[in-house]
């Protein structure tokens, strides 16, 4: 006969087995989230410059820029080395590189959105290069390099990256010598101003003076305020130094601008004082030493004095104008 009791017993045992296994599976599934801490989050990996071109593309673009501007850069470095008025140019690329290095974290986090308008800026820069080369205008060919670099930043990085690097590009312009047409327009008025100032101050020290243009006639000899004595060298160098000084030691943009602009009259006044000192040495010391050793040595001394005046002005602004506007 069919044993009903044994069948029921077997069915009960089979159901218990299925239920226990189902319970273990449910417990295993429910235990899975508990193995990972609820507060633990996995940070998504993000590229420092999202959507940026491959590093080899940047290297290729850099090589092409150097190849195109090799002659321009070579002549620029030669001018830095041979013309004392622009010897500060060696410091400008170093300072620009330092600016990029200091701001590297913010640059990595900048949202990269390439803009086709950058191609137009690069094309405009290359067009200016052609005009400068075939028109024998070094200033245009050198400025075109900065324009091309800005265009590349806009093309590959977008407006946000260009905005982040705008101060770097402005600093690079300081490395470019002033064009000759502007240089000559500035130099001669500075010569006349320095000679007029010296002619007005020297009689206060009982030194007879007769001025003819930029020539100061003293009882013992004539002093000519040449282009090298116009003060343009110290003016450009002090203006560049004032920008460096303001960046490192001042946080207010308003006070930075004031320091940069104040360097111009400070440099002019220092150069006039140098010529006055040369006239006094001619009258009361030795004319040969006055136009030789003293004239060269006083240039460095007056530059240090000018820098000291910048420092005093900065301290005075911090006392009188503590907030200094928006930083």
C-alpha atoms as a PDB file:
ATOM      1  CA  UNK A   1       0.000   0.000   0.000  1.00  0.00           C
ATOM      2  CA  UNK A   2       0.897   3.581  -0.462  1.00  0.00           C
ATOM      3  CA  UNK A   3       2.479   4.840   2.739  1.00  0.00           C
ATOM      4  CA  UNK A   4       0.866   8.262   3.171  1.00  0.00           C
ATOM      5  CA  UNK A   5       2.676   9.034   6.361  1.00  0.00           C
ATOM      6  CA  UNK A   6       6.122   8.522   4.830  1.00  0.00           C
ATOM      7  CA  UNK A   7       5.241  10.728   1.884  1.00  0.00           C
ATOM      8  CA  UNK A   8       4.101  13.545   4.137  1.00  0.00           C
ATOM      9  CA  UNK A   9       7.256  13.201   6.157  1.00  0.00           C
ATOM     10  CA  UNK A  10       9.435  13.406   3.022  1.00  0.00           C
ATOM     11  CA  UNK A  11       7.524  16.395   1.658  1.00  0.00           C
ATOM     12  CA  UNK A  12       7.927  18.173   4.978  1.00  0.00           C
ATOM     13  CA  UNK A  13      11.665  17.532   5.004  1.00  0.00           C
ATOM     14  CA  UNK A  14      12.037  18.713   1.382  1.00  0.00           C
ATOM     15  CA  UNK A  15      10.079  21.914   2.138  1.00  0.00           C
ATOM     16  CA  UNK A  16      12.236  22.602   5.156  1.00  0.00           C
ATOM     17  CA  UNK A  17      15.383  22.165   3.055  1.00  0.00           C
ATOM     18  CA  UNK A  18      14.106  24.575   0.361  1.00  0.00           C
ATOM     19  CA  UNK A  19      13.080  27.110   2.989  1.00  0.00           C
ATOM     20  CA  UNK A  20      16.441  26.989   4.740  1.00  0.00           C
ATOM     21  CA  UNK A  21      18.336  27.469   1.487  1.00  0.00           C
ATOM     22  CA  UNK A  22      16.045  30.330   0.492  1.00  0.00           C
ATOM     23  CA  UNK A  23      16.647  31.940   3.858  1.00  0.00           C
ATOM     24  CA  UNK A  24      20.421  31.622   3.434  1.00  0.00           C
ATOM     25  CA  UNK A  25      20.218  33.203  -0.046  1.00  0.00           C
ATOM     26  CA  UNK A  26      18.127  36.094   1.259  1.00  0.00           C
ATOM     27  CA  UNK A  27      20.477  36.600   4.154  1.00  0.00           C
ATOM     28  CA  UNK A  28      23.432  36.602   1.756  1.00  0.00           C
ATOM     29  CA  UNK A  29      21.753  39.150  -0.506  1.00  0.00           C
ATOM     30  CA  UNK A  30      20.755  41.341   2.385  1.00  0.00           C
ATOM     31  CA  UNK A  31      24.256  41.112   3.817  1.00  0.00           C
ATOM     32  CA  UNK A  32      25.898  42.401   0.651  1.00  0.00           C
ATOM     33  CA  UNK A  33      25.302  46.123   1.355  1.00  0.00           C
ATOM     34  CA  UNK A  34      26.524  45.687   4.907  1.00  0.00           C
ATOM     35  CA  UNK A  35      29.955  44.613   3.674  1.00  0.00           C
ATOM     36  CA  UNK A  36      30.437  48.084   2.205  1.00  0.00           C
ATOM     37  CA  UNK A  37      30.392  50.876   4.726  1.00  0.00           C
ATOM     38  CA  UNK A  38      27.369  53.091   4.078  1.00  0.00           C
ATOM     39  CA  UNK A  39      29.461  56.248   4.490  1.00  0.00           C
ATOM     40  CA  UNK A  40      32.189  55.063   2.126  1.00  0.00           C
ATOM     41  CA  UNK A  41      32.018  56.660  -1.303  1.00  0.00           C
ATOM     42  CA  UNK A  42      34.176  55.847  -4.252  1.00  0.00           C
ATOM     43  CA  UNK A  43      35.497  59.075  -5.733  1.00  0.00           C
ATOM     44  CA  UNK A  44      35.197  59.099  -9.473  1.00  0.00           C
ATOM     45  CA  UNK A  45      38.472  59.392 -11.276  1.00  0.00           C
ATOM     46  CA  UNK A  46      38.656  62.693 -13.069  1.00  0.00           C
ATOM     47  CA  UNK A  47      41.205  63.843 -15.555  1.00  0.00           C
ATOM     48  CA  UNK A  48      43.016  67.030 -14.487  1.00  0.00           C
ATOM     49  CA  UNK A  49      42.098  68.656 -17.792  1.00  0.00           C
ATOM     50  CA  UNK A  50      38.889  67.048 -18.971  1.00  0.00           C
ATOM     51  CA  UNK A  51      38.502  66.828 -22.751  1.00  0.00           C
ATOM     52  CA  UNK A  52      42.038  68.181 -23.182  1.00  0.00           C
ATOM     53  CA  UNK A  53      44.036  67.018 -26.190  1.00  0.00           C
ATOM     54  CA  UNK A  54      46.560  64.305 -25.742  1.00  0.00           C
ATOM     55  CA  UNK A  55      49.904  65.340 -24.320  1.00  0.00           C
ATOM     56  CA  UNK A  56      51.599  64.565 -27.617  1.00  0.00           C
ATOM     57  CA  UNK A  57      49.326  67.045 -29.361  1.00  0.00           C
ATOM     58  CA  UNK A  58      50.477  69.786 -26.983  1.00  0.00           C
ATOM     59  CA  UNK A  59      54.111  68.832 -27.557  1.00  0.00           C
ATOM     60  CA  UNK A  60      53.593  68.898 -31.324  1.00  0.00           C
ATOM     61  CA  UNK A  61      51.959  72.330 -31.176  1.00  0.00           C
ATOM     62  CA  UNK A  62      54.791  73.620 -28.976  1.00  0.00           C
ATOM     63  CA  UNK A  63      57.421  72.332 -31.405  1.00  0.00           C
ATOM     64  CA  UNK A  64      55.628  73.974 -34.328  1.00  0.00           C
ATOM     65  CA  UNK A  65      55.446  77.308 -32.488  1.00  0.00           C
ATOM     66  CA  UNK A  66      59.170  77.179 -31.672  1.00  0.00           C
ATOM     67  CA  UNK A  67      59.996  76.320 -35.281  1.00  0.00           C
ATOM     68  CA  UNK A  68      57.905  79.188 -36.652  1.00  0.00           C
ATOM     69  CA  UNK A  69      59.283  81.726 -34.161  1.00  0.00           C
ATOM     70  CA  UNK A  70      62.862  80.451 -33.880  1.00  0.00           C
ATOM     71  CA  UNK A  71      64.351  83.450 -35.703  1.00  0.00           C
ATOM     72  CA  UNK A  72      62.172  85.929 -33.800  1.00  0.00           C
ATOM     73  CA  UNK A  73      63.066  84.394 -30.442  1.00  0.00           C
ATOM     74  CA  UNK A  74      66.764  84.284 -31.295  1.00  0.00           C
ATOM     75  CA  UNK A  75      66.832  88.001 -32.129  1.00  0.00           C
ATOM     76  CA  UNK A  76      64.811  88.786 -29.009  1.00  0.00           C
ATOM     77  CA  UNK A  77      67.283  87.010 -26.720  1.00  0.00           C
ATOM     78  CA  UNK A  78      70.148  88.765 -28.511  1.00  0.00           C
ATOM     79  CA  UNK A  79      68.564  92.149 -27.784  1.00  0.00           C
ATOM     80  CA  UNK A  80      68.161  91.218 -24.119  1.00  0.00           C
ATOM     81  CA  UNK A  81      71.848  90.387 -23.971  1.00  0.00           C
ATOM     82  CA  UNK A  82      73.272  93.282 -25.997  1.00  0.00           C
ATOM     83  CA  UNK A  83      70.941  96.190 -25.122  1.00  0.00           C
ATOM     84  CA  UNK A  84      71.119  97.133 -21.424  1.00  0.00           C
ATOM     85  CA  UNK A  85      67.741  98.887 -21.617  1.00  0.00           C
ATOM     86  CA  UNK A  86      66.009  95.538 -22.053  1.00  0.00           C
ATOM     87  CA  UNK A  87      68.188  93.185 -20.017  1.00  0.00           C
ATOM     88  CA  UNK A  88      65.258  92.626 -17.646  1.00  0.00           C
ATOM     89  CA  UNK A  89      63.715  90.516 -20.415  1.00  0.00           C
ATOM     90  CA  UNK A  90      65.540  87.440 -19.107  1.00  0.00           C
ATOM     91  CA  UNK A  91      63.499  87.602 -15.898  1.00  0.00           C
ATOM     92  CA  UNK A  92      60.084  87.883 -17.564  1.00  0.00           C
ATOM     93  CA  UNK A  93      59.801  84.309 -18.938  1.00  0.00           C
ATOM     94  CA  UNK A  94      60.961  82.959 -15.584  1.00  0.00           C
ATOM     95  CA  UNK A  95      58.325  85.001 -13.789  1.00  0.00           C
ATOM     96  CA  UNK A  96      55.626  83.892 -16.244  1.00  0.00           C
ATOM     97  CA  UNK A  97      56.617  80.253 -15.717  1.00  0.00           C
ATOM     98  CA  UNK A  98      56.450  80.769 -11.964  1.00  0.00           C
ATOM     99  CA  UNK A  99      52.938  82.209 -12.296  1.00  0.00           C
ATOM    100  CA  UNK A 100      51.783  79.108 -14.171  1.00  0.00           C
ATOM    101  CA  UNK A 101      53.445  76.805 -11.638  1.00  0.00           C
ATOM    102  CA  UNK A 102      51.876  78.543  -8.640  1.00  0.00           C
ATOM    103  CA  UNK A 103      48.442  78.416 -10.263  1.00  0.00           C
ATOM    104  CA  UNK A 104      48.782  74.826 -11.486  1.00  0.00           C
ATOM    105  CA  UNK A 105      46.072  73.400  -9.184  1.00  0.00           C
ATOM    106  CA  UNK A 106      43.493  75.924 -10.330  1.00  0.00           C
ATOM    107  CA  UNK A 107      44.529  75.352 -13.941  1.00  0.00           C
ATOM    108  CA  UNK A 108      43.960  71.602 -13.547  1.00  0.00           C
ATOM    109  CA  UNK A 109      40.471  72.235 -12.222  1.00  0.00           C
ATOM    110  CA  UNK A 110      39.582  74.685 -14.985  1.00  0.00           C
ATOM    111  CA  UNK A 111      36.730  73.442 -17.131  1.00  0.00           C
ATOM    112  CA  UNK A 112      38.077  72.820 -20.610  1.00  0.00           C
ATOM    113  CA  UNK A 113      35.808  73.805 -23.468  1.00  0.00           C
ATOM    114  CA  UNK A 114      37.677  74.269 -26.751  1.00  0.00           C
ATOM    115  CA  UNK A 115      36.509  77.249 -28.787  1.00  0.00           C
ATOM    116  CA  UNK A 116      36.765  77.486 -32.558  1.00  0.00           C
ATOM    117  CA  UNK A 117      37.225  81.222 -32.201  1.00  0.00           C
ATOM    118  CA  UNK A 118      40.755  80.481 -31.000  1.00  0.00           C
ATOM    119  CA  UNK A 119      41.638  79.422 -34.531  1.00  0.00           C
ATOM    120  CA  UNK A 120      40.788  82.930 -35.748  1.00  0.00           C
ATOM    121  CA  UNK A 121      43.001  84.441 -33.034  1.00  0.00           C
ATOM    122  CA  UNK A 122      45.900  82.166 -34.034  1.00  0.00           C
ATOM    123  CA  UNK A 123      45.382  83.087 -37.693  1.00  0.00           C
ATOM    124  CA  UNK A 124      45.403  86.785 -36.779  1.00  0.00           C
ATOM    125  CA  UNK A 125      48.637  86.310 -34.823  1.00  0.00           C
ATOM    126  CA  UNK A 126      50.298  84.563 -37.755  1.00  0.00           C
ATOM    127  CA  UNK A 127      49.100  87.339 -40.056  1.00  0.00           C
ATOM    128  CA  UNK A 128      50.719  89.928 -37.775  1.00  0.00           C
ATOM    129  CA  UNK A 129      53.887  87.811 -37.858  1.00  0.00           C
ATOM    130  CA  UNK A 130      53.977  88.003 -41.658  1.00  0.00           C
ATOM    131  CA  UNK A 131      53.433  91.764 -41.560  1.00  0.00           C
ATOM    132  CA  UNK A 132      56.213  92.147 -38.994  1.00  0.00           C
ATOM    133  CA  UNK A 133      58.668  89.960 -40.907  1.00  0.00           C
ATOM    134  CA  UNK A 134      58.100  91.409 -44.362  1.00  0.00           C
ATOM    135  CA  UNK A 135      57.646  94.919 -43.001  1.00  0.00           C
ATOM    136  CA  UNK A 136      60.879  94.683 -40.964  1.00  0.00           C
ATOM    137  CA  UNK A 137      59.019  95.537 -37.756  1.00  0.00           C
ATOM    138  CA  UNK A 138      60.389  93.444 -34.904  1.00  0.00           C
ATOM    139  CA  UNK A 139      57.797  94.623 -32.426  1.00  0.00           C
ATOM    140  CA  UNK A 140      54.879  93.248 -34.446  1.00  0.00           C
ATOM    141  CA  UNK A 141      56.561  89.899 -35.034  1.00  0.00           C
ATOM    142  CA  UNK A 142      57.277  89.561 -31.310  1.00  0.00           C
ATOM    143  CA  UNK A 143      53.821  90.628 -30.192  1.00  0.00           C
ATOM    144  CA  UNK A 144      52.347  88.078 -32.592  1.00  0.00           C
ATOM    145  CA  UNK A 145      53.912  85.310 -30.501  1.00  0.00           C
ATOM    146  CA  UNK A 146      51.892  86.347 -27.449  1.00  0.00           C
ATOM    147  CA  UNK A 147      48.757  86.585 -29.606  1.00  0.00           C
ATOM    148  CA  UNK A 148      49.323  83.083 -30.989  1.00  0.00           C
ATOM    149  CA  UNK A 149      49.858  81.652 -27.510  1.00  0.00           C
ATOM    150  CA  UNK A 150      46.645  83.302 -26.301  1.00  0.00           C
ATOM    151  CA  UNK A 151      44.817  81.947 -29.349  1.00  0.00           C
ATOM    152  CA  UNK A 152      46.077  78.424 -28.670  1.00  0.00           C
ATOM    153  CA  UNK A 153      44.907  78.657 -25.057  1.00  0.00           C
ATOM    154  CA  UNK A 154      41.470  79.738 -26.287  1.00  0.00           C
ATOM    155  CA  UNK A 155      41.361  77.122 -29.021  1.00  0.00           C
ATOM    156  CA  UNK A 156      42.332  74.125 -26.870  1.00  0.00           C
ATOM    157  CA  UNK A 157      41.219  75.291 -23.433  1.00  0.00           C
ATOM    158  CA  UNK A 158      38.377  77.729 -23.913  1.00  0.00           C
ATOM    159  CA  UNK A 159      37.493  81.087 -22.416  1.00  0.00           C
ATOM    160  CA  UNK A 160      37.901  79.930 -18.817  1.00  0.00           C
ATOM    161  CA  UNK A 161      41.519  78.865 -19.388  1.00  0.00           C
ATOM    162  CA  UNK A 162      42.320  82.051 -21.312  1.00  0.00           C
ATOM    163  CA  UNK A 163      40.877  84.140 -18.494  1.00  0.00           C
ATOM    164  CA  UNK A 164      42.954  82.203 -15.998  1.00  0.00           C
ATOM    165  CA  UNK A 165      46.140  82.877 -17.974  1.00  0.00           C
ATOM    166  CA  UNK A 166      45.440  86.493 -18.962  1.00  0.00           C
ATOM    167  CA  UNK A 167      47.919  87.944 -16.448  1.00  0.00           C
ATOM    168  CA  UNK A 168      50.633  85.587 -17.706  1.00  0.00           C
ATOM    169  CA  UNK A 169      50.181  86.837 -21.275  1.00  0.00           C
ATOM    170  CA  UNK A 170      50.245  90.467 -20.112  1.00  0.00           C
ATOM    171  CA  UNK A 171      53.489  89.783 -18.237  1.00  0.00           C
ATOM    172  CA  UNK A 172      55.048  88.291 -21.374  1.00  0.00           C
ATOM    173  CA  UNK A 173      54.525  91.624 -23.131  1.00  0.00           C
ATOM    174  CA  UNK A 174      57.034  93.164 -20.705  1.00  0.00           C
ATOM    175  CA  UNK A 175      59.774  91.070 -22.312  1.00  0.00           C
ATOM    176  CA  UNK A 176      59.234  92.738 -25.693  1.00  0.00           C
ATOM    177  CA  UNK A 177      61.378  95.844 -26.272  1.00  0.00           C
ATOM    178  CA  UNK A 178      59.541  99.060 -26.988  1.00  0.00           C
ATOM    179  CA  UNK A 179      59.261  99.709 -30.751  1.00  0.00           C
ATOM    180  CA  UNK A 180      61.795 102.176 -32.088  1.00  0.00           C
ATOM    181  CA  UNK A 181      59.216 104.753 -33.156  1.00  0.00           C
ATOM    182  CA  UNK A 182      57.739 104.892 -29.643  1.00  0.00           C
ATOM    183  CA  UNK A 183      61.152 104.586 -27.998  1.00  0.00           C
ATOM    184  CA  UNK A 184      62.406 107.680 -29.805  1.00  0.00           C
ATOM    185  CA  UNK A 185      59.245 109.610 -28.995  1.00  0.00           C
ATOM    186  CA  UNK A 186      59.714 108.854 -25.294  1.00  0.00           C
ATOM    187  CA  UNK A 187      63.484 109.198 -25.045  1.00  0.00           C
ATOM    188  CA  UNK A 188      63.929 112.756 -26.301  1.00  0.00           C
ATOM    189  CA  UNK A 189      61.280 114.317 -24.007  1.00  0.00           C
ATOM    190  CA  UNK A 190      62.897 112.500 -21.101  1.00  0.00           C
ATOM    191  CA  UNK A 191      66.273 113.938 -22.091  1.00  0.00           C
ATOM    192  CA  UNK A 192      64.848 117.465 -22.163  1.00  0.00           C
ATOM    193  CA  UNK A 193      63.017 116.940 -18.865  1.00  0.00           C
ATOM    194  CA  UNK A 194      66.155 115.657 -17.125  1.00  0.00           C
ATOM    195  CA  UNK A 195      68.293 118.526 -18.452  1.00  0.00           C
ATOM    196  CA  UNK A 196      65.691 121.131 -17.428  1.00  0.00           C
ATOM    197  CA  UNK A 197      65.433 119.662 -13.941  1.00  0.00           C
ATOM    198  CA  UNK A 198      69.212 119.606 -13.509  1.00  0.00           C
ATOM    199  CA  UNK A 199      69.505 123.163 -14.813  1.00  0.00           C
ATOM    200  CA  UNK A 200      66.932 124.301 -12.276  1.00  0.00           C
ATOM    201  CA  UNK A 201      68.447 122.452  -9.296  1.00  0.00           C
ATOM    202  CA  UNK A 202      72.191 122.989  -9.838  1.00  0.00           C
ATOM    203  CA  UNK A 203      72.063 126.798  -9.305  1.00  0.00           C
ATOM    204  CA  UNK A 204      70.643 126.086  -5.844  1.00  0.00           C
ATOM    205  CA  UNK A 205      74.069 124.593  -5.040  1.00  0.00           C
ATOM    206  CA  UNK A 206      75.922 127.614  -6.480  1.00  0.00           C
ATOM    207  CA  UNK A 207      76.698 125.915  -9.795  1.00  0.00           C
ATOM    208  CA  UNK A 208      76.341 128.258 -12.812  1.00  0.00           C
ATOM    209  CA  UNK A 209      74.410 126.563 -15.625  1.00  0.00           C
ATOM    210  CA  UNK A 210      73.630 127.351 -19.249  1.00  0.00           C
ATOM    211  CA  UNK A 211      71.315 124.904 -20.972  1.00  0.00           C
ATOM    212  CA  UNK A 212      70.967 124.428 -24.716  1.00  0.00           C
ATOM    213  CA  UNK A 213      68.489 121.698 -25.481  1.00  0.00           C
ATOM    214  CA  UNK A 214      69.755 118.532 -23.801  1.00  0.00           C
ATOM    215  CA  UNK A 215      73.256 119.989 -23.270  1.00  0.00           C
ATOM    216  CA  UNK A 216      74.123 121.496 -19.885  1.00  0.00           C
ATOM    217  CA  UNK A 217      77.124 123.829 -19.998  1.00  0.00           C
ATOM    218  CA  UNK A 218      78.995 124.051 -16.699  1.00  0.00           C
ATOM    219  CA  UNK A 219      82.020 126.262 -15.938  1.00  0.00           C
ATOM    220  CA  UNK A 220      84.411 123.311 -16.281  1.00  0.00           C
ATOM    221  CA  UNK A 221      82.808 121.231 -19.029  1.00  0.00           C
ATOM    222  CA  UNK A 222      79.625 120.437 -20.925  1.00  0.00           C
ATOM    223  CA  UNK A 223      77.252 117.677 -19.886  1.00  0.00           C
ATOM    224  CA  UNK A 224      75.154 116.095 -22.592  1.00  0.00           C
ATOM    225  CA  UNK A 225      72.067 114.192 -21.503  1.00  0.00           C
ATOM    226  CA  UNK A 226      72.308 111.450 -24.113  1.00  0.00           C
ATOM    227  CA  UNK A 227      69.737 108.737 -24.862  1.00  0.00           C
ATOM    228  CA  UNK A 228      71.436 106.408 -22.376  1.00  0.00           C
ATOM    229  CA  UNK A 229      71.007 109.097 -19.724  1.00  0.00           C
ATOM    230  CA  UNK A 230      67.370 109.797 -20.510  1.00  0.00           C
ATOM    231  CA  UNK A 231      66.198 107.404 -17.818  1.00  0.00           C
ATOM    232  CA  UNK A 232      64.282 105.105 -20.153  1.00  0.00           C
ATOM    233  CA  UNK A 233      66.394 102.146 -19.017  1.00  0.00           C
ATOM    234  CA  UNK A 234      65.637 102.633 -15.338  1.00  0.00           C
ATOM    235  CA  UNK A 235      62.014 103.490 -16.127  1.00  0.00           C
ATOM    236  CA  UNK A 236      61.302 100.239 -17.982  1.00  0.00           C
ATOM    237  CA  UNK A 237      63.264  98.138 -15.503  1.00  0.00           C
ATOM    238  CA  UNK A 238      61.665  99.759 -12.460  1.00  0.00           C
ATOM    239  CA  UNK A 239      58.177  99.397 -13.959  1.00  0.00           C
ATOM    240  CA  UNK A 240      58.792  95.677 -14.478  1.00  0.00           C
ATOM    241  CA  UNK A 241      60.231  95.330 -10.986  1.00  0.00           C
ATOM    242  CA  UNK A 242      57.210  97.162  -9.548  1.00  0.00           C
ATOM    243  CA  UNK A 243      54.903  94.586 -11.139  1.00  0.00           C
ATOM    244  CA  UNK A 244      56.964  91.742  -9.660  1.00  0.00           C
ATOM    245  CA  UNK A 245      57.059  93.477  -6.285  1.00  0.00           C
ATOM    246  CA  UNK A 246      53.303  94.068  -6.282  1.00  0.00           C
ATOM    247  CA  UNK A 247      52.568  90.452  -7.147  1.00  0.00           C
ATOM    248  CA  UNK A 248      54.693  88.968  -4.376  1.00  0.00           C
ATOM    249  CA  UNK A 249      54.150  91.501  -1.575  1.00  0.00           C
ATOM    250  CA  UNK A 250      50.697  92.969  -2.213  1.00  0.00           C
ATOM    251  CA  UNK A 251      47.267  91.318  -2.438  1.00  0.00           C
ATOM    252  CA  UNK A 252      45.203  94.319  -3.429  1.00  0.00           C
ATOM    253  CA  UNK A 253      44.945  94.841  -7.178  1.00  0.00           C
ATOM    254  CA  UNK A 254      44.316  98.561  -6.639  1.00  0.00           C
ATOM    255  CA  UNK A 255      47.558  99.033  -4.721  1.00  0.00           C
ATOM    256  CA  UNK A 256      49.394  96.932  -7.305  1.00  0.00           C
ATOM    257  CA  UNK A 257      48.268  99.317 -10.033  1.00  0.00           C
ATOM    258  CA  UNK A 258      49.302 102.345  -7.965  1.00  0.00           C
ATOM    259  CA  UNK A 259      52.750 100.869  -7.343  1.00  0.00           C
ATOM    260  CA  UNK A 260      53.248 100.118 -11.034  1.00  0.00           C
ATOM    261  CA  UNK A 261      52.201 103.606 -12.143  1.00  0.00           C
ATOM    262  CA  UNK A 262      54.188 105.290  -9.365  1.00  0.00           C
ATOM    263  CA  UNK A 263      57.372 103.643 -10.650  1.00  0.00           C
ATOM    264  CA  UNK A 264      57.296 105.973 -13.689  1.00  0.00           C
ATOM    265  CA  UNK A 265      57.660 109.339 -11.881  1.00  0.00           C
ATOM    266  CA  UNK A 266      60.004 107.730  -9.349  1.00  0.00           C
ATOM    267  CA  UNK A 267      62.332 106.586 -12.141  1.00  0.00           C
ATOM    268  CA  UNK A 268      62.236 110.007 -13.819  1.00  0.00           C
ATOM    269  CA  UNK A 269      63.000 111.806 -10.549  1.00  0.00           C
ATOM    270  CA  UNK A 270      65.836 109.397  -9.751  1.00  0.00           C
ATOM    271  CA  UNK A 271      67.426 109.942 -13.156  1.00  0.00           C
ATOM    272  CA  UNK A 272      67.219 113.726 -12.728  1.00  0.00           C
ATOM    273  CA  UNK A 273      68.866 113.398  -9.320  1.00  0.00           C
ATOM    274  CA  UNK A 274      71.615 111.348 -10.933  1.00  0.00           C
ATOM    275  CA  UNK A 275      72.365 114.105 -13.452  1.00  0.00           C
ATOM    276  CA  UNK A 276      72.351 116.707 -10.694  1.00  0.00           C
ATOM    277  CA  UNK A 277      74.834 114.597  -8.759  1.00  0.00           C
ATOM    278  CA  UNK A 278      77.047 114.322 -11.842  1.00  0.00           C
ATOM    279  CA  UNK A 279      76.994 118.114 -12.243  1.00  0.00           C
ATOM    280  CA  UNK A 280      77.974 118.607  -8.602  1.00  0.00           C
ATOM    281  CA  UNK A 281      80.869 116.162  -8.983  1.00  0.00           C
ATOM    282  CA  UNK A 282      82.042 118.021 -12.069  1.00  0.00           C
ATOM    283  CA  UNK A 283      82.008 121.332 -10.221  1.00  0.00           C
ATOM    284  CA  UNK A 284      83.339 120.315  -6.821  1.00  0.00           C
ATOM    285  CA  UNK A 285      85.278 117.092  -7.377  1.00  0.00           C
ATOM    286  CA  UNK A 286      86.848 115.736 -10.572  1.00  0.00           C
ATOM    287  CA  UNK A 287      85.247 116.107 -14.032  1.00  0.00           C
ATOM    288  CA  UNK A 288      86.825 112.905 -15.367  1.00  0.00           C
ATOM    289  CA  UNK A 289      85.649 110.824 -12.431  1.00  0.00           C
ATOM    290  CA  UNK A 290      82.256 112.492 -12.539  1.00  0.00           C
ATOM    291  CA  UNK A 291      81.529 111.381 -16.123  1.00  0.00           C
ATOM    292  CA  UNK A 292      83.299 108.061 -15.632  1.00  0.00           C
ATOM    293  CA  UNK A 293      83.113 106.101 -12.390  1.00  0.00           C
ATOM    294  CA  UNK A 294      80.505 108.215 -10.641  1.00  0.00           C
ATOM    295  CA  UNK A 295      78.183 108.316 -13.651  1.00  0.00           C
ATOM    296  CA  UNK A 296      78.137 104.517 -13.971  1.00  0.00           C
ATOM    297  CA  UNK A 297      78.082 103.760 -10.265  1.00  0.00           C
ATOM    298  CA  UNK A 298      75.357 106.296  -9.535  1.00  0.00           C
ATOM    299  CA  UNK A 299      73.065 104.502 -11.972  1.00  0.00           C
ATOM    300  CA  UNK A 300      72.979 101.413  -9.749  1.00  0.00           C
ATOM    301  CA  UNK A 301      72.718 103.522  -6.605  1.00  0.00           C
ATOM    302  CA  UNK A 302      69.756 105.507  -7.917  1.00  0.00           C
ATOM    303  CA  UNK A 303      68.024 102.317  -9.028  1.00  0.00           C
ATOM    304  CA  UNK A 304      68.300 100.981  -5.471  1.00  0.00           C
ATOM    305  CA  UNK A 305      67.050 104.335  -4.182  1.00  0.00           C
ATOM    306  CA  UNK A 306      64.094 104.101  -6.565  1.00  0.00           C
ATOM    307  CA  UNK A 307      63.265 100.646  -5.289  1.00  0.00           C
ATOM    308  CA  UNK A 308      63.483 101.993  -1.749  1.00  0.00           C
ATOM    309  CA  UNK A 309      61.005 104.716  -2.704  1.00  0.00           C
ATOM    310  CA  UNK A 310      58.629 102.027  -3.982  1.00  0.00           C
ATOM    311  CA  UNK A 311      58.903 100.226  -0.663  1.00  0.00           C
ATOM    312  CA  UNK A 312      58.245 103.439   1.304  1.00  0.00           C
ATOM    313  CA  UNK A 313      55.241 104.183  -0.906  1.00  0.00           C
ATOM    314  CA  UNK A 314      53.930 100.691  -0.325  1.00  0.00           C
ATOM    315  CA  UNK A 315      54.228 101.005   3.447  1.00  0.00           C
ATOM    316  CA  UNK A 316      52.539 104.399   3.350  1.00  0.00           C
ATOM    317  CA  UNK A 317      49.626 103.007   1.315  1.00  0.00           C
ATOM    318  CA  UNK A 318      49.190 100.175   3.793  1.00  0.00           C
ATOM    319  CA  UNK A 319      48.862 102.724   6.631  1.00  0.00           C
ATOM    320  CA  UNK A 320      46.726 105.308   4.823  1.00  0.00           C
ATOM    321  CA  UNK A 321      44.773 102.933   2.592  1.00  0.00           C
ATOM    322  CA  UNK A 322      44.564  99.709   4.643  1.00  0.00           C
ATOM    323  CA  UNK A 323      41.862  97.963   2.646  1.00  0.00           C
ATOM    324  CA  UNK A 324      43.237  98.937  -0.708  1.00  0.00           C
ATOM    325  CA  UNK A 325      40.097  98.090  -2.640  1.00  0.00           C
ATOM    326  CA  UNK A 326      39.109  94.662  -3.792  1.00  0.00           C
ATOM    327  CA  UNK A 327      41.922  92.161  -3.976  1.00  0.00           C
END
